[in-house]
Amino acid sequence: MRTPLKTSLTIAVAVVACVLTGLSVNANTISVGVISTAPDGSGGTLWTYPIIFNNSAIDASQPTSFDLNDFGALKTTGPLASGFSFSPGVAFNLTTPLVGPNFGLPGFQPNNPAVSDVVITFTASANLGSGSQTFNLVLDTALTGLGGTANFFSQDKVATGALAGSPNAVQQNITTPQGVSTPDGGSAVALLGMALAGIEFLRRKFKS
């Protein structure tokens, strides 16, 4: 049986881990998997975003969509004539507004209003079932740097189960060509130090 002190420390560690990673819960969502990059063969970079549908239903009347903040302009002179490749088997539109939808969520990073988002809006409805399906969204950019951190927002509906048909909105940290620069090693160490100091404070408080 856990003591109150051990329970409190466990909760504190879990909270700190969530703050540092900024990851969303993936059940009943549209989310992003492990992002990868590769040269596009014409001086730019292909960014691949695995778009994961978990127990997800697409509803054109809602509408269902997702938004990658601060990607920037698509490069249409490389291997992808339209600047992107995406084949989820459901009709969609791709737009590049300066500020796309956030579905009422606050976001982990500021959305730069001078850099285009990439927004996929589905124009047909489909139930992708209770399992998990992944479709790669490949975007071409003229930029070749490492990029930075940005928000991913999505909205869909729960496909199956007790909450079937319920609307769902989630947010997640991702990397984009023009996202916010990640902290350097010193900043990361400082953040970790503050987190550990908070845990030590809680430990002493409950001990007293």
C-alpha atoms as a PDB file:
ATOM      1  CA  MET A   1       0.000   0.000   0.000  1.00  0.00           C
ATOM      2  CA  ARG A   2       1.414   3.391  -0.951  1.00  0.00           C
ATOM      3  CA  THR A   3       1.975   6.056   1.672  1.00  0.00           C
ATOM      4  CA  PRO A   4       0.539   9.564   1.036  1.00  0.00           C
ATOM      5  CA  LEU A   5       4.088  10.822   0.439  1.00  0.00           C
ATOM      6  CA  LYS A   6       4.860   8.174  -2.203  1.00  0.00           C
ATOM      7  CA  THR A   7       1.499   8.768  -3.887  1.00  0.00           C
ATOM      8  CA  SER A   8       2.069  12.535  -3.970  1.00  0.00           C
ATOM      9  CA  LEU A   9       5.556  12.109  -5.391  1.00  0.00           C
ATOM     10  CA  THR A  10       4.234   9.725  -8.056  1.00  0.00           C
ATOM     11  CA  ILE A  11       1.608  12.265  -9.092  1.00  0.00           C
ATOM     12  CA  ALA A  12       4.194  15.050  -9.136  1.00  0.00           C
ATOM     13  CA  VAL A  13       6.539  13.037 -11.358  1.00  0.00           C
ATOM     14  CA  ALA A  14       3.669  12.239 -13.740  1.00  0.00           C
ATOM     15  CA  VAL A  15       2.703  15.914 -13.972  1.00  0.00           C
ATOM     16  CA  VAL A  16       6.304  16.974 -14.621  1.00  0.00           C
ATOM     17  CA  ALA A  17       6.663  14.298 -17.329  1.00  0.00           C
ATOM     18  CA  CYS A  18       3.512  15.539 -19.060  1.00  0.00           C
ATOM     19  CA  VAL A  19       4.719  19.160 -18.930  1.00  0.00           C
ATOM     20  CA  LEU A  20       8.139  18.293 -20.357  1.00  0.00           C
ATOM     21  CA  THR A  21       6.899  16.072 -23.171  1.00  0.00           C
ATOM     22  CA  GLY A  22       3.656  17.859 -24.098  1.00  0.00           C
ATOM     23  CA  LEU A  23       2.225  14.722 -25.692  1.00  0.00           C
ATOM     24  CA  SER A  24      -1.479  14.133 -26.233  1.00  0.00           C
ATOM     25  CA  VAL A  25      -3.453  11.003 -25.453  1.00  0.00           C
ATOM     26  CA  ASN A  26      -3.924   9.056 -28.680  1.00  0.00           C
ATOM     27  CA  ALA A  27      -7.134   7.085 -28.013  1.00  0.00           C
ATOM     28  CA  ASN A  28     -10.089   8.252 -30.135  1.00  0.00           C
ATOM     29  CA  THR A  29      -8.035  10.840 -31.983  1.00  0.00           C
ATOM     30  CA  ILE A  30      -6.258  11.961 -35.108  1.00  0.00           C
ATOM     31  CA  SER A  31      -2.611  12.341 -34.065  1.00  0.00           C
ATOM     32  CA  VAL A  32       0.917  12.411 -35.520  1.00  0.00           C
ATOM     33  CA  GLY A  33       3.487   9.612 -35.251  1.00  0.00           C
ATOM     34  CA  VAL A  34       7.271   9.807 -35.620  1.00  0.00           C
ATOM     35  CA  ILE A  35       8.142  12.627 -38.049  1.00  0.00           C
ATOM     36  CA  SER A  36      10.949  12.131 -40.562  1.00  0.00           C
ATOM     37  CA  THR A  37      12.730  14.233 -43.186  1.00  0.00           C
ATOM     38  CA  ALA A  38      14.678  13.491 -46.366  1.00  0.00           C
ATOM     39  CA  PRO A  39      16.169  15.520 -49.247  1.00  0.00           C
ATOM     40  CA  ASP A  40      13.650  16.050 -52.045  1.00  0.00           C
ATOM     41  CA  GLY A  41      16.340  15.747 -54.728  1.00  0.00           C
ATOM     42  CA  SER A  42      15.953  19.343 -55.903  1.00  0.00           C
ATOM     43  CA  GLY A  43      17.415  21.393 -53.062  1.00  0.00           C
ATOM     44  CA  GLY A  44      14.501  21.115 -50.641  1.00  0.00           C
ATOM     45  CA  THR A  45      13.267  18.739 -47.951  1.00  0.00           C
ATOM     46  CA  LEU A  46      10.428  16.247 -47.757  1.00  0.00           C
ATOM     47  CA  TRP A  47       8.759  16.160 -44.335  1.00  0.00           C
ATOM     48  CA  THR A  48       6.724  13.018 -43.615  1.00  0.00           C
ATOM     49  CA  TYR A  49       3.976  13.182 -40.980  1.00  0.00           C
ATOM     50  CA  PRO A  50       2.357   9.806 -40.168  1.00  0.00           C
ATOM     51  CA  ILE A  51      -1.278  10.781 -39.534  1.00  0.00           C
ATOM     52  CA  ILE A  52      -2.727   8.214 -37.129  1.00  0.00           C
ATOM     53  CA  PHE A  53      -6.483   7.662 -36.888  1.00  0.00           C
ATOM     54  CA  ASN A  54      -7.367   5.857 -33.631  1.00  0.00           C
ATOM     55  CA  ASN A  55     -11.023   4.802 -33.281  1.00  0.00           C
ATOM     56  CA  SER A  56     -11.787   7.771 -35.497  1.00  0.00           C
ATOM     57  CA  ALA A  57     -14.763   8.739 -37.635  1.00  0.00           C
ATOM     58  CA  ILE A  58     -14.549  11.449 -40.288  1.00  0.00           C
ATOM     59  CA  ASP A  59     -17.623  13.646 -40.654  1.00  0.00           C
ATOM     60  CA  ALA A  60     -17.733  16.132 -43.545  1.00  0.00           C
ATOM     61  CA  SER A  61     -20.510  18.107 -41.868  1.00  0.00           C
ATOM     62  CA  GLN A  62     -18.581  18.772 -38.648  1.00  0.00           C
ATOM     63  CA  PRO A  63     -16.128  19.231 -40.435  1.00  0.00           C
ATOM     64  CA  THR A  64     -13.283  16.861 -39.563  1.00  0.00           C
ATOM     65  CA  SER A  65      -9.883  18.445 -40.069  1.00  0.00           C
ATOM     66  CA  PHE A  66      -6.384  18.846 -38.685  1.00  0.00           C
ATOM     67  CA  ASP A  67      -3.892  21.699 -38.638  1.00  0.00           C
ATOM     68  CA  LEU A  68      -0.077  21.667 -38.650  1.00  0.00           C
ATOM     69  CA  ASN A  69       1.006  25.087 -37.403  1.00  0.00           C
ATOM     70  CA  ASP A  70       3.840  27.064 -38.991  1.00  0.00           C
ATOM     71  CA  PHE A  71       4.938  24.728 -41.752  1.00  0.00           C
ATOM     72  CA  GLY A  72       5.470  27.499 -44.312  1.00  0.00           C
ATOM     73  CA  ALA A  73       5.131  27.574 -48.085  1.00  0.00           C
ATOM     74  CA  LEU A  74       4.917  24.319 -50.011  1.00  0.00           C
ATOM     75  CA  LYS A  75       7.527  23.780 -52.723  1.00  0.00           C
ATOM     76  CA  THR A  76       5.851  22.868 -56.019  1.00  0.00           C
ATOM     77  CA  THR A  77       8.970  22.670 -58.196  1.00  0.00           C
ATOM     78  CA  GLY A  78      10.301  19.459 -56.663  1.00  0.00           C
ATOM     79  CA  PRO A  79       9.208  15.817 -56.963  1.00  0.00           C
ATOM     80  CA  LEU A  80       5.669  16.584 -55.699  1.00  0.00           C
ATOM     81  CA  ALA A  81       3.872  18.715 -58.275  1.00  0.00           C
ATOM     82  CA  SER A  82       1.294  19.894 -55.756  1.00  0.00           C
ATOM     83  CA  GLY A  83       3.809  20.218 -52.916  1.00  0.00           C
ATOM     84  CA  PHE A  84       2.255  17.358 -50.958  1.00  0.00           C
ATOM     85  CA  SER A  85       1.240  13.700 -51.033  1.00  0.00           C
ATOM     86  CA  PHE A  86      -1.579  12.216 -48.914  1.00  0.00           C
ATOM     87  CA  SER A  87      -3.847   9.248 -49.656  1.00  0.00           C
ATOM     88  CA  PRO A  88      -6.236   8.493 -46.775  1.00  0.00           C
ATOM     89  CA  GLY A  89      -8.923   7.155 -49.113  1.00  0.00           C
ATOM     90  CA  VAL A  90     -11.311   9.947 -48.090  1.00  0.00           C
ATOM     91  CA  ALA A  91     -11.769  13.150 -50.113  1.00  0.00           C
ATOM     92  CA  PHE A  92     -10.159  16.255 -48.601  1.00  0.00           C
ATOM     93  CA  ASN A  93      -8.956  19.783 -49.294  1.00  0.00           C
ATOM     94  CA  LEU A  94      -5.487  21.045 -48.370  1.00  0.00           C
ATOM     95  CA  THR A  95      -5.197  24.766 -47.616  1.00  0.00           C
ATOM     96  CA  THR A  96      -2.377  26.925 -46.249  1.00  0.00           C
ATOM     97  CA  PRO A  97      -3.919  29.725 -44.151  1.00  0.00           C
ATOM     98  CA  LEU A  98      -1.665  31.889 -41.985  1.00  0.00           C
ATOM     99  CA  VAL A  99      -3.695  30.887 -38.916  1.00  0.00           C
ATOM    100  CA  GLY A 100      -5.629  27.625 -39.111  1.00  0.00           C
ATOM    101  CA  PRO A 101      -8.243  26.248 -36.681  1.00  0.00           C
ATOM    102  CA  ASN A 102      -7.350  25.274 -33.121  1.00  0.00           C
ATOM    103  CA  PHE A 103     -10.831  23.934 -32.204  1.00  0.00           C
ATOM    104  CA  GLY A 104     -10.858  25.934 -28.973  1.00  0.00           C
ATOM    105  CA  LEU A 105      -7.607  24.407 -27.662  1.00  0.00           C
ATOM    106  CA  PRO A 106      -4.859  26.667 -26.236  1.00  0.00           C
ATOM    107  CA  GLY A 107      -1.875  25.060 -27.964  1.00  0.00           C
ATOM    108  CA  PHE A 108       1.570  24.398 -26.532  1.00  0.00           C
ATOM    109  CA  GLN A 109       3.377  26.911 -28.787  1.00  0.00           C
ATOM    110  CA  PRO A 110       2.450  30.327 -30.212  1.00  0.00           C
ATOM    111  CA  ASN A 111       1.149  30.157 -33.775  1.00  0.00           C
ATOM    112  CA  ASN A 112       3.199  32.570 -35.884  1.00  0.00           C
ATOM    113  CA  PRO A 113       0.647  34.614 -37.901  1.00  0.00           C
ATOM    114  CA  ALA A 114       3.290  35.321 -40.561  1.00  0.00           C
ATOM    115  CA  VAL A 115       3.968  31.649 -41.383  1.00  0.00           C
ATOM    116  CA  SER A 116       1.435  29.462 -43.196  1.00  0.00           C
ATOM    117  CA  ASP A 117      -0.179  26.476 -41.504  1.00  0.00           C
ATOM    118  CA  VAL A 118      -1.099  23.320 -43.419  1.00  0.00           C
ATOM    119  CA  VAL A 119      -4.756  22.361 -42.914  1.00  0.00           C
ATOM    120  CA  ILE A 120      -6.426  19.171 -44.161  1.00  0.00           C
ATOM    121  CA  THR A 121     -10.234  19.393 -44.197  1.00  0.00           C
ATOM    122  CA  PHE A 122     -12.166  16.259 -45.159  1.00  0.00           C
ATOM    123  CA  THR A 123     -15.003  16.774 -47.632  1.00  0.00           C
ATOM    124  CA  ALA A 124     -16.474  13.261 -47.300  1.00  0.00           C
ATOM    125  CA  SER A 125     -17.502  11.133 -44.334  1.00  0.00           C
ATOM    126  CA  ALA A 126     -16.020   7.771 -43.318  1.00  0.00           C
ATOM    127  CA  ASN A 127     -15.856   5.519 -40.276  1.00  0.00           C
ATOM    128  CA  LEU A 128     -12.286   4.246 -39.966  1.00  0.00           C
ATOM    129  CA  GLY A 129     -13.255   1.701 -37.311  1.00  0.00           C
ATOM    130  CA  SER A 130     -12.167   0.897 -33.780  1.00  0.00           C
ATOM    131  CA  GLY A 131      -8.543   0.147 -34.636  1.00  0.00           C
ATOM    132  CA  SER A 132      -5.621   2.330 -35.660  1.00  0.00           C
ATOM    133  CA  GLN A 133      -4.842   3.355 -39.246  1.00  0.00           C
ATOM    134  CA  THR A 134      -1.900   5.444 -40.434  1.00  0.00           C
ATOM    135  CA  PHE A 135      -1.558   7.456 -43.657  1.00  0.00           C
ATOM    136  CA  ASN A 136       1.583   9.443 -44.474  1.00  0.00           C
ATOM    137  CA  LEU A 137       1.231  13.139 -45.220  1.00  0.00           C
ATOM    138  CA  VAL A 138       4.369  14.195 -47.147  1.00  0.00           C
ATOM    139  CA  LEU A 139       5.055  17.931 -47.506  1.00  0.00           C
ATOM    140  CA  ASP A 140       7.792  19.515 -49.616  1.00  0.00           C
ATOM    141  CA  THR A 141       9.593  22.678 -48.497  1.00  0.00           C
ATOM    142  CA  ALA A 142      12.458  24.712 -49.909  1.00  0.00           C
ATOM    143  CA  LEU A 143      13.924  24.947 -46.395  1.00  0.00           C
ATOM    144  CA  THR A 144      16.664  22.544 -45.336  1.00  0.00           C
ATOM    145  CA  GLY A 145      17.086  23.317 -41.621  1.00  0.00           C
ATOM    146  CA  LEU A 146      16.100  21.228 -38.617  1.00  0.00           C
ATOM    147  CA  GLY A 147      12.984  23.303 -37.922  1.00  0.00           C
ATOM    148  CA  GLY A 148      11.384  23.786 -34.521  1.00  0.00           C
ATOM    149  CA  THR A 149       8.386  22.962 -32.369  1.00  0.00           C
ATOM    150  CA  ALA A 150       4.815  23.782 -33.371  1.00  0.00           C
ATOM    151  CA  ASN A 151       1.247  22.735 -32.586  1.00  0.00           C
ATOM    152  CA  PHE A 152      -0.851  20.025 -34.184  1.00  0.00           C
ATOM    153  CA  PHE A 153      -4.618  20.392 -33.716  1.00  0.00           C
ATOM    154  CA  SER A 154      -7.249  17.902 -34.845  1.00  0.00           C
ATOM    155  CA  GLN A 155     -11.001  17.412 -34.649  1.00  0.00           C
ATOM    156  CA  ASP A 156     -12.941  14.243 -35.428  1.00  0.00           C
ATOM    157  CA  LYS A 157     -15.592  11.982 -33.902  1.00  0.00           C
ATOM    158  CA  VAL A 158     -15.286   8.811 -31.857  1.00  0.00           C
ATOM    159  CA  ALA A 159     -15.938   5.825 -34.134  1.00  0.00           C
ATOM    160  CA  THR A 160     -17.061   3.054 -31.763  1.00  0.00           C
ATOM    161  CA  GLY A 161     -17.835   2.373 -28.124  1.00  0.00           C
ATOM    162  CA  ALA A 162     -19.917   4.179 -25.540  1.00  0.00           C
ATOM    163  CA  LEU A 163     -18.840   7.584 -26.878  1.00  0.00           C
ATOM    164  CA  ALA A 164     -19.449   6.778 -30.563  1.00  0.00           C
ATOM    165  CA  GLY A 165     -20.449   9.895 -32.467  1.00  0.00           C
ATOM    166  CA  SER A 166     -19.066  12.273 -29.843  1.00  0.00           C
ATOM    167  CA  PRO A 167     -16.869  15.105 -31.160  1.00  0.00           C
ATOM    168  CA  ASN A 168     -13.195  14.980 -30.275  1.00  0.00           C
ATOM    169  CA  ALA A 169     -10.523  17.706 -30.304  1.00  0.00           C
ATOM    170  CA  VAL A 170      -6.855  17.191 -29.394  1.00  0.00           C
ATOM    171  CA  GLN A 171      -3.529  19.018 -29.510  1.00  0.00           C
ATOM    172  CA  GLN A 172       0.034  17.768 -29.758  1.00  0.00           C
ATOM    173  CA  ASN A 173       3.594  19.073 -30.062  1.00  0.00           C
ATOM    174  CA  ILE A 174       5.188  18.433 -33.466  1.00  0.00           C
ATOM    175  CA  THR A 175       8.204  19.633 -35.462  1.00  0.00           C
ATOM    176  CA  THR A 176       7.827  21.819 -38.563  1.00  0.00           C
ATOM    177  CA  PRO A 177      10.328  23.654 -40.805  1.00  0.00           C
ATOM    178  CA  GLN A 178       9.462  27.026 -39.244  1.00  0.00           C
ATOM    179  CA  GLY A 179       8.356  26.055 -35.748  1.00  0.00           C
ATOM    180  CA  VAL A 180       9.652  27.670 -32.565  1.00  0.00           C
ATOM    181  CA  SER A 181      13.340  26.940 -32.003  1.00  0.00           C
ATOM    182  CA  THR A 182      13.846  24.247 -29.371  1.00  0.00           C
ATOM    183  CA  PRO A 183      15.690  25.227 -26.153  1.00  0.00           C
ATOM    184  CA  ASP A 184      19.443  24.742 -26.155  1.00  0.00           C
ATOM    185  CA  GLY A 185      21.104  22.305 -23.781  1.00  0.00           C
ATOM    186  CA  GLY A 186      21.371  24.928 -21.029  1.00  0.00           C
ATOM    187  CA  SER A 187      17.696  25.795 -21.204  1.00  0.00           C
ATOM    188  CA  ALA A 188      16.723  22.126 -21.134  1.00  0.00           C
ATOM    189  CA  VAL A 189      18.883  21.567 -18.067  1.00  0.00           C
ATOM    190  CA  ALA A 190      17.326  24.622 -16.411  1.00  0.00           C
ATOM    191  CA  LEU A 191      13.820  23.296 -17.064  1.00  0.00           C
ATOM    192  CA  LEU A 192      14.773  19.912 -15.640  1.00  0.00           C
ATOM    193  CA  GLY A 193      16.301  21.603 -12.607  1.00  0.00           C
ATOM    194  CA  MET A 194      13.103  23.541 -11.924  1.00  0.00           C
ATOM    195  CA  ALA A 195      11.070  20.356 -12.239  1.00  0.00           C
ATOM    196  CA  LEU A 196      13.312  18.510  -9.773  1.00  0.00           C
ATOM    197  CA  ALA A 197      13.221  21.471  -7.392  1.00  0.00           C
ATOM    198  CA  GLY A 198       9.423  21.308  -7.469  1.00  0.00           C
ATOM    199  CA  ILE A 199       9.480  17.603  -6.603  1.00  0.00           C
ATOM    200  CA  GLU A 200      11.909  18.237  -3.731  1.00  0.00           C
ATOM    201  CA  PHE A 201       9.641  21.006  -2.408  1.00  0.00           C
ATOM    202  CA  LEU A 202       6.656  18.643  -2.441  1.00  0.00           C
ATOM    203  CA  ARG A 203       8.691  15.925  -0.727  1.00  0.00           C
ATOM    204  CA  ARG A 204       9.707  18.229   2.094  1.00  0.00           C
ATOM    205  CA  LYS A 205       6.197  19.634   2.460  1.00  0.00           C
ATOM    206  CA  PHE A 206       4.601  16.230   2.866  1.00  0.00           C
ATOM    207  CA  LYS A 207       7.432  15.026   5.110  1.00  0.00           C
ATOM    208  CA  SER A 208       6.851  17.923   7.489  1.00  0.00           C
END
